[in-house]
N, C-alpha and C. Protein backbone atom coordinates (compact mmCIF):
# COMPACT_ATOMS: atom_id res chain seq x y z
N MET A 1 187.07 34.35 104.98
CA MET A 1 187.41 34.48 103.45
C MET A 1 186.03 34.73 102.72
N THR A 2 185.09 33.85 103.21
CA THR A 2 183.79 34.00 102.45
C THR A 2 183.18 35.41 102.65
N ARG A 3 183.26 35.91 103.67
CA ARG A 3 182.69 37.23 104.11
C ARG A 3 183.29 38.37 103.08
N LEU A 4 184.66 38.30 103.04
CA LEU A 4 185.43 39.18 102.01
C LEU A 4 184.84 39.07 100.65
N ASN A 5 184.85 37.75 100.25
CA ASN A 5 184.27 37.53 98.96
C ASN A 5 182.90 38.04 98.64
N LEU A 6 182.00 38.06 99.51
CA LEU A 6 180.65 38.60 99.47
C LEU A 6 180.68 40.01 99.40
N ILE A 7 181.48 40.71 100.21
CA ILE A 7 181.80 42.21 100.20
C ILE A 7 182.31 42.57 98.91
N LEU A 8 183.28 41.98 98.36
CA LEU A 8 183.82 42.28 97.07
C LEU A 8 182.90 42.08 95.83
N PHE A 9 182.12 41.10 96.07
CA PHE A 9 181.04 40.73 95.05
C PHE A 9 179.85 41.84 94.97
N PHE A 10 179.48 42.40 96.26
CA PHE A 10 178.71 43.46 96.27
C PHE A 10 179.25 44.85 95.75
N VAL A 11 180.38 45.06 95.96
CA VAL A 11 181.08 46.15 95.50
C VAL A 11 181.16 46.06 94.06
N LEU A 12 181.53 45.00 93.52
CA LEU A 12 181.69 44.65 92.01
C LEU A 12 180.27 44.84 91.32
N ILE A 13 179.21 44.53 91.98
CA ILE A 13 177.83 44.66 91.40
C ILE A 13 177.54 46.26 91.47
N LEU A 14 177.84 46.89 92.59
CA LEU A 14 177.54 48.25 92.72
C LEU A 14 178.33 49.10 91.59
N VAL A 15 179.67 48.82 91.43
CA VAL A 15 180.40 49.54 90.45
C VAL A 15 179.99 49.35 89.00
N SER A 16 179.55 48.19 88.86
CA SER A 16 179.00 47.73 87.54
C SER A 16 177.66 48.57 87.25
N LEU A 17 176.85 48.49 88.19
CA LEU A 17 175.67 49.40 88.08
C LEU A 17 175.91 50.89 87.87
N SER A 18 176.81 51.46 88.47
CA SER A 18 176.94 52.75 88.26
C SER A 18 177.75 52.97 87.01
N ILE A 19 178.54 52.26 86.36
CA ILE A 19 179.12 52.36 85.05
C ILE A 19 178.07 52.37 84.07
N VAL A 20 177.25 51.40 84.21
CA VAL A 20 175.90 51.26 83.31
C VAL A 20 175.10 52.62 83.39
N THR A 21 174.84 53.01 84.51
CA THR A 21 174.10 54.25 84.67
C THR A 21 174.66 55.50 84.09
N SER A 22 176.09 55.61 84.40
CA SER A 22 176.78 56.71 83.83
C SER A 22 176.85 56.69 82.44
N GLN A 23 176.96 55.56 81.67
CA GLN A 23 176.92 55.31 80.18
C GLN A 23 175.71 55.83 79.73
N HIS A 24 174.58 55.34 80.29
CA HIS A 24 173.24 55.58 79.85
C HIS A 24 173.06 57.19 79.89
N LYS A 25 173.46 57.80 80.98
CA LYS A 25 173.18 59.18 81.09
C LYS A 25 174.10 59.99 80.02
N ALA A 26 175.19 59.48 79.74
CA ALA A 26 176.09 60.13 78.75
C ALA A 26 175.41 59.86 77.28
N ARG A 27 174.88 58.76 77.05
CA ARG A 27 174.36 58.56 75.73
C ARG A 27 173.00 59.52 75.59
N LYS A 28 172.26 59.67 76.74
CA LYS A 28 171.12 60.40 76.69
C LYS A 28 171.43 61.92 76.41
N LEU A 29 172.59 62.40 77.12
CA LEU A 29 172.96 63.72 77.03
C LEU A 29 173.52 64.03 75.61
N TYR A 30 174.28 63.03 74.93
CA TYR A 30 174.72 63.23 73.55
C TYR A 30 173.68 63.31 72.64
N PHE A 31 172.59 62.43 72.80
CA PHE A 31 171.33 62.44 71.99
C PHE A 31 170.69 63.80 72.14
N GLU A 32 170.51 64.46 73.23
CA GLU A 32 169.88 65.70 73.55
C GLU A 32 170.76 66.82 72.79
N LEU A 33 171.93 66.80 73.01
CA LEU A 33 172.87 67.66 72.29
C LEU A 33 172.78 67.59 70.84
N GLU A 34 172.69 66.55 70.23
CA GLU A 34 172.51 66.35 68.79
C GLU A 34 171.10 67.16 68.28
N GLN A 35 170.09 66.80 69.10
CA GLN A 35 168.87 67.53 68.93
C GLN A 35 168.92 68.99 68.92
N GLN A 36 169.57 69.55 69.98
CA GLN A 36 169.73 70.85 70.18
C GLN A 36 170.56 71.56 68.97
N GLN A 37 171.54 70.86 68.51
CA GLN A 37 172.32 71.29 67.44
C GLN A 37 171.63 71.35 66.13
N ALA A 38 170.69 70.41 65.93
CA ALA A 38 169.89 70.33 64.75
C ALA A 38 168.92 71.53 64.81
N LEU A 39 168.31 71.60 66.07
CA LEU A 39 167.33 72.73 66.08
C LEU A 39 168.17 74.28 65.87
N GLY A 40 169.24 74.27 66.39
CA GLY A 40 170.15 75.53 66.14
C GLY A 40 170.32 75.73 64.66
N LYS A 41 170.54 74.65 63.87
CA LYS A 41 170.87 75.01 62.44
C LYS A 41 169.60 75.36 61.80
N GLN A 42 168.35 74.77 62.28
CA GLN A 42 167.00 75.17 61.81
C GLN A 42 166.73 76.54 62.13
N TYR A 43 167.14 77.06 63.17
CA TYR A 43 166.89 78.31 63.53
C TYR A 43 167.74 79.39 62.66
N ASP A 44 169.15 78.97 62.35
CA ASP A 44 169.88 79.63 61.55
C ASP A 44 169.37 79.89 60.31
N THR A 45 168.76 78.85 59.74
CA THR A 45 168.14 78.77 58.27
C THR A 45 166.95 79.72 58.25
N GLU A 46 166.14 79.50 59.35
CA GLU A 46 164.91 80.54 59.36
C GLU A 46 165.27 81.93 59.59
N TYR A 47 166.39 82.16 60.27
CA TYR A 47 166.71 83.65 60.54
C TYR A 47 167.20 84.21 59.15
N GLY A 48 167.97 83.31 58.45
CA GLY A 48 168.59 83.86 57.23
C GLY A 48 167.33 84.19 56.26
N GLN A 49 166.31 83.35 56.17
CA GLN A 49 165.33 83.53 55.38
C GLN A 49 164.42 84.74 55.76
N LEU A 50 164.40 84.92 57.15
CA LEU A 50 163.66 86.11 57.71
C LEU A 50 164.38 87.47 57.28
N GLN A 51 165.79 87.45 57.42
CA GLN A 51 166.54 88.49 56.90
C GLN A 51 166.39 88.89 55.44
N LEU A 52 166.16 87.93 54.70
CA LEU A 52 166.04 88.12 53.12
C LEU A 52 164.64 88.52 52.92
N GLU A 53 163.72 88.20 53.66
CA GLU A 53 162.37 88.64 53.52
C GLU A 53 162.23 90.33 54.01
N GLN A 54 162.97 90.45 55.18
CA GLN A 54 162.98 91.79 55.48
C GLN A 54 163.68 92.88 54.53
N SER A 55 164.75 92.32 53.95
CA SER A 55 165.43 93.17 52.95
C SER A 55 164.58 93.42 51.69
N THR A 56 163.67 92.33 51.43
CA THR A 56 162.72 92.41 50.20
C THR A 56 161.56 93.51 50.62
N TRP A 57 161.23 93.40 51.72
CA TRP A 57 160.05 94.31 52.11
C TRP A 57 160.52 95.73 52.28
N ALA A 58 161.75 95.98 52.64
CA ALA A 58 162.44 97.34 52.86
C ALA A 58 163.02 97.93 51.54
N MET A 59 162.93 97.18 50.51
CA MET A 59 163.62 97.78 49.35
C MET A 59 163.12 99.18 48.89
N HIS A 60 164.03 99.97 48.57
CA HIS A 60 163.59 101.43 48.28
C HIS A 60 162.59 101.80 47.26
N SER A 61 162.62 100.79 46.20
CA SER A 61 161.66 100.81 45.22
C SER A 61 160.35 100.49 45.58
N ARG A 62 160.11 99.61 46.61
CA ARG A 62 158.83 99.12 47.07
C ARG A 62 158.28 100.19 47.97
N VAL A 63 159.24 100.73 48.85
CA VAL A 63 158.83 101.77 49.60
C VAL A 63 158.18 102.95 48.92
N GLU A 64 159.08 103.33 47.94
CA GLU A 64 158.50 104.57 47.04
C GLU A 64 157.18 104.28 46.33
N GLU A 65 157.12 103.07 45.94
CA GLU A 65 155.84 102.65 45.22
C GLU A 65 154.55 102.67 46.15
N LEU A 66 154.83 102.24 47.44
CA LEU A 66 153.60 102.13 48.39
C LEU A 66 153.43 103.59 48.90
N ALA A 67 154.42 104.46 49.07
CA ALA A 67 154.20 105.82 49.37
C ALA A 67 153.32 106.63 48.15
N ALA A 68 153.67 106.28 47.13
CA ALA A 68 152.97 106.90 45.86
C ALA A 68 151.65 106.51 45.91
N LYS A 69 151.34 105.12 46.04
CA LYS A 69 150.05 104.62 45.80
C LYS A 69 149.19 104.81 47.10
N ARG A 70 149.65 104.40 48.24
CA ARG A 70 148.72 104.53 49.33
C ARG A 70 148.60 105.85 50.05
N LEU A 71 149.66 106.65 50.07
CA LEU A 71 149.79 107.91 50.67
C LEU A 71 149.76 109.30 49.74
N ASN A 72 149.54 108.83 48.51
CA ASN A 72 149.62 109.85 47.46
C ASN A 72 150.71 110.82 47.56
N MET A 73 151.98 110.23 47.80
CA MET A 73 153.09 111.09 47.98
C MET A 73 153.92 111.16 46.69
N GLN A 74 154.56 112.08 46.38
CA GLN A 74 155.40 112.18 45.05
C GLN A 74 156.75 112.92 45.44
N VAL A 75 157.77 112.57 44.48
CA VAL A 75 159.01 113.25 44.70
C VAL A 75 158.91 114.54 44.28
N PRO A 76 159.43 115.62 45.07
CA PRO A 76 159.22 116.96 44.93
C PRO A 76 160.02 117.37 43.74
N ASP A 77 159.91 118.53 43.04
CA ASP A 77 160.72 119.02 41.95
C ASP A 77 161.99 119.44 42.33
N ALA A 78 163.00 119.46 41.50
CA ALA A 78 164.30 119.85 41.91
C ALA A 78 164.46 121.18 42.37
N LYS A 79 163.48 122.12 41.95
CA LYS A 79 163.47 123.50 42.39
C LYS A 79 163.07 123.66 43.91
N ARG A 80 162.34 122.56 44.41
CA ARG A 80 161.91 122.70 45.73
C ARG A 80 162.82 121.97 46.81
N ILE A 81 163.95 121.39 46.13
CA ILE A 81 164.86 120.51 47.15
C ILE A 81 165.91 121.60 47.55
N GLN A 82 166.21 121.56 48.94
CA GLN A 82 167.19 122.27 49.48
C GLN A 82 168.33 121.30 50.02
N VAL A 83 169.44 121.51 49.73
CA VAL A 83 170.51 120.70 50.32
C VAL A 83 171.22 121.49 51.38
N ILE A 84 171.36 120.95 52.62
CA ILE A 84 172.01 121.74 53.80
C ILE A 84 173.16 120.94 54.19
N SER A 85 174.31 121.41 54.06
CA SER A 85 175.42 120.79 54.61
C SER A 85 175.65 120.81 56.19
N LEU A 86 176.58 119.85 56.63
CA LEU A 86 176.69 120.03 58.21
C LEU A 86 177.43 121.07 58.44
N GLU A 87 178.34 121.74 57.63
CA GLU A 87 179.19 122.64 58.13
C GLU A 87 178.32 124.01 58.28
N ASP A 88 177.29 124.16 57.49
CA ASP A 88 176.34 125.20 57.83
C ASP A 88 175.63 125.22 58.98
N MET A 89 175.18 123.93 59.25
CA MET A 89 174.50 123.75 60.45
C MET A 89 175.37 124.06 61.86
N ALA A 90 176.48 123.84 61.79
CA ALA A 90 177.45 124.07 62.89
C ALA A 90 177.74 125.55 63.16
N ARG A 91 177.38 126.53 62.18
CA ARG A 91 177.65 127.83 62.45
C ARG A 91 176.64 128.56 63.03
């Protein structure tokens, strides 16, 4: 009887240790998941800011202003503009 009690006692200790270990791993993984989710939210915010910045830099008025100042470009006169339709191109 004593032998059986010792075996059951060691099994109980092993099972208890495995439960504690699995709970510790689960908490650790949950903490890492929360960190990654917070990082993902931060990246989403940064991405939105970068999209806003890109749209600001690519505004038509800004591009036109830079073309006029840096490249000395100007809008052609209406007499020099030719409009070509796609139907004419297909013929």
